[in-house]
């Protein structure tokens, strides 16, 4: 199956959260503290970009494979068969170009 973004949308795969649930000293961190550390943000990998995405922002040079920062629950989750892509179908979302908050670059994060 191949998915293609249309309009001003992007197809992204959410990355797993990088916040550890245990401190370096072995203390379990409470869920509300972990959520606070995450700051309401989510990182994702760009899988497809629609032709009209970022038309009003010509300085944004986003490409497939880039890592982005977006809000915690961006766009629309794809309701795919759970057997698709090793059971990680719920990690895929279709988001608007306006939901991209920052783009990771080799020399650091580049705010959009």
Protein backbone atom coordinates (compact mmCIF):
# COMPACT_ATOMS: atom_id res chain seq x y z
CA UNK A 1 0.00 0.00 0.00
CA UNK A 2 1.29 3.47 -0.88
CA UNK A 3 -0.06 6.65 0.72
CA UNK A 4 0.29 10.06 -0.89
CA UNK A 5 -0.33 13.40 0.83
CA UNK A 6 -2.56 15.87 -1.04
CA UNK A 7 -3.49 19.53 -0.63
CA UNK A 8 -1.40 21.20 2.09
CA UNK A 9 -0.85 18.01 4.05
CA UNK A 10 2.14 15.95 5.11
CA UNK A 11 2.25 12.26 5.91
CA UNK A 12 4.39 11.64 9.00
CA UNK A 13 5.40 8.79 11.27
CA UNK A 14 5.48 9.77 14.94
CA UNK A 15 8.66 8.89 16.77
CA UNK A 16 8.58 7.18 20.13
CA UNK A 17 8.95 9.51 23.07
CA UNK A 18 12.54 10.09 24.11
CA UNK A 19 11.76 10.94 27.73
CA UNK A 20 12.87 8.15 30.05
CA UNK A 21 10.42 6.88 32.65
CA UNK A 22 13.24 6.31 35.14
CA UNK A 23 15.78 8.83 36.38
CA UNK A 24 19.49 8.08 36.02
CA UNK A 25 19.48 7.18 39.70
CA UNK A 26 16.73 4.57 39.18
CA UNK A 27 13.79 6.57 40.56
CA UNK A 28 10.48 6.03 38.74
CA UNK A 29 9.11 9.32 37.39
CA UNK A 30 5.35 9.97 37.75
CA UNK A 31 3.32 10.17 34.49
CA UNK A 32 2.35 13.84 35.01
CA UNK A 33 6.02 14.80 35.38
CA UNK A 34 6.94 12.88 32.22
CA UNK A 35 4.19 14.73 30.32
CA UNK A 36 5.57 18.04 31.62
CA UNK A 37 9.07 17.10 30.38
CA UNK A 38 7.71 16.36 26.93
CA UNK A 39 6.28 19.88 26.85
CA UNK A 40 3.33 18.99 24.65
CA UNK A 41 5.58 18.41 21.64
CA UNK A 42 6.07 15.40 19.40
CA UNK A 43 8.82 14.55 16.94
CA UNK A 44 8.04 12.88 13.64
CA UNK A 45 9.66 11.74 10.41
CA UNK A 46 8.29 13.18 7.16
CA UNK A 47 7.17 10.42 4.77
CA UNK A 48 5.44 12.46 2.07
CA UNK A 49 4.78 16.13 1.33
CA UNK A 50 1.85 17.32 -0.79
CA UNK A 51 2.71 19.61 -3.74
CA UNK A 52 0.91 22.63 -2.22
CA UNK A 53 2.40 22.32 1.27
CA UNK A 54 4.35 25.42 2.36
CA UNK A 55 3.32 27.37 -0.76
CA UNK A 56 3.00 30.50 1.37
CA UNK A 57 6.39 29.87 3.04
CA UNK A 58 8.95 29.57 0.22
CA UNK A 59 11.87 29.69 2.68
CA UNK A 60 10.82 26.36 4.25
CA UNK A 61 12.85 23.63 2.57
CA UNK A 62 11.36 20.43 3.94
CA UNK A 63 11.99 17.08 2.30
CA UNK A 64 11.03 13.45 2.82
CA UNK A 65 13.10 11.93 5.61
CA UNK A 66 13.44 15.17 7.60
CA UNK A 67 12.58 15.14 11.30
CA UNK A 68 10.13 17.75 12.52
CA UNK A 69 8.61 18.99 15.78
CA UNK A 70 4.86 19.29 16.00
CA UNK A 71 2.22 19.47 18.72
CA UNK A 72 1.61 16.42 20.91
CA UNK A 73 -1.40 15.05 19.00
CA UNK A 74 -1.08 16.44 15.47
CA UNK A 75 -3.46 16.01 12.58
CA UNK A 76 -5.52 12.91 11.94
CA UNK A 77 -4.45 9.41 12.88
CA UNK A 78 -4.68 6.90 10.07
CA UNK A 79 -7.01 4.05 10.87
CA UNK A 80 -5.01 1.30 9.20
CA UNK A 81 -5.08 -2.44 9.73
CA UNK A 82 -2.97 -3.17 12.82
CA UNK A 83 -1.02 -5.83 10.90
CA UNK A 84 0.24 -3.16 8.48
CA UNK A 85 3.89 -2.19 8.98
CA UNK A 86 4.64 -4.47 11.92
CA UNK A 87 1.66 -3.34 14.00
CA UNK A 88 2.76 0.32 14.13
CA UNK A 89 -0.06 1.69 11.98
CA UNK A 90 -1.26 4.02 14.75
CA UNK A 91 2.02 5.92 14.54
CA UNK A 92 1.11 7.41 11.14
CA UNK A 93 -0.68 10.76 10.83
CA UNK A 94 -1.74 13.22 8.18
CA UNK A 95 -1.00 16.77 9.33
CA UNK A 96 -1.33 20.26 7.87
CA UNK A 97 1.80 22.20 6.94
CA UNK A 98 0.83 24.79 9.57
CA UNK A 99 1.24 22.16 12.31
CA UNK A 100 5.00 21.92 11.76
CA UNK A 101 6.67 23.93 14.55
CA UNK A 102 10.36 23.26 13.81
CA UNK A 103 12.64 21.25 11.54
CA UNK A 104 15.73 19.42 12.74
CA UNK A 105 18.85 20.20 10.75
CA UNK A 106 22.44 18.93 10.87
CA UNK A 107 23.56 22.09 12.70
CA UNK A 108 20.62 22.19 15.16
CA UNK A 109 16.90 22.92 15.07
CA UNK A 110 15.61 25.46 12.56
CA UNK A 111 12.39 27.15 13.64
CA UNK A 112 9.74 27.60 10.97
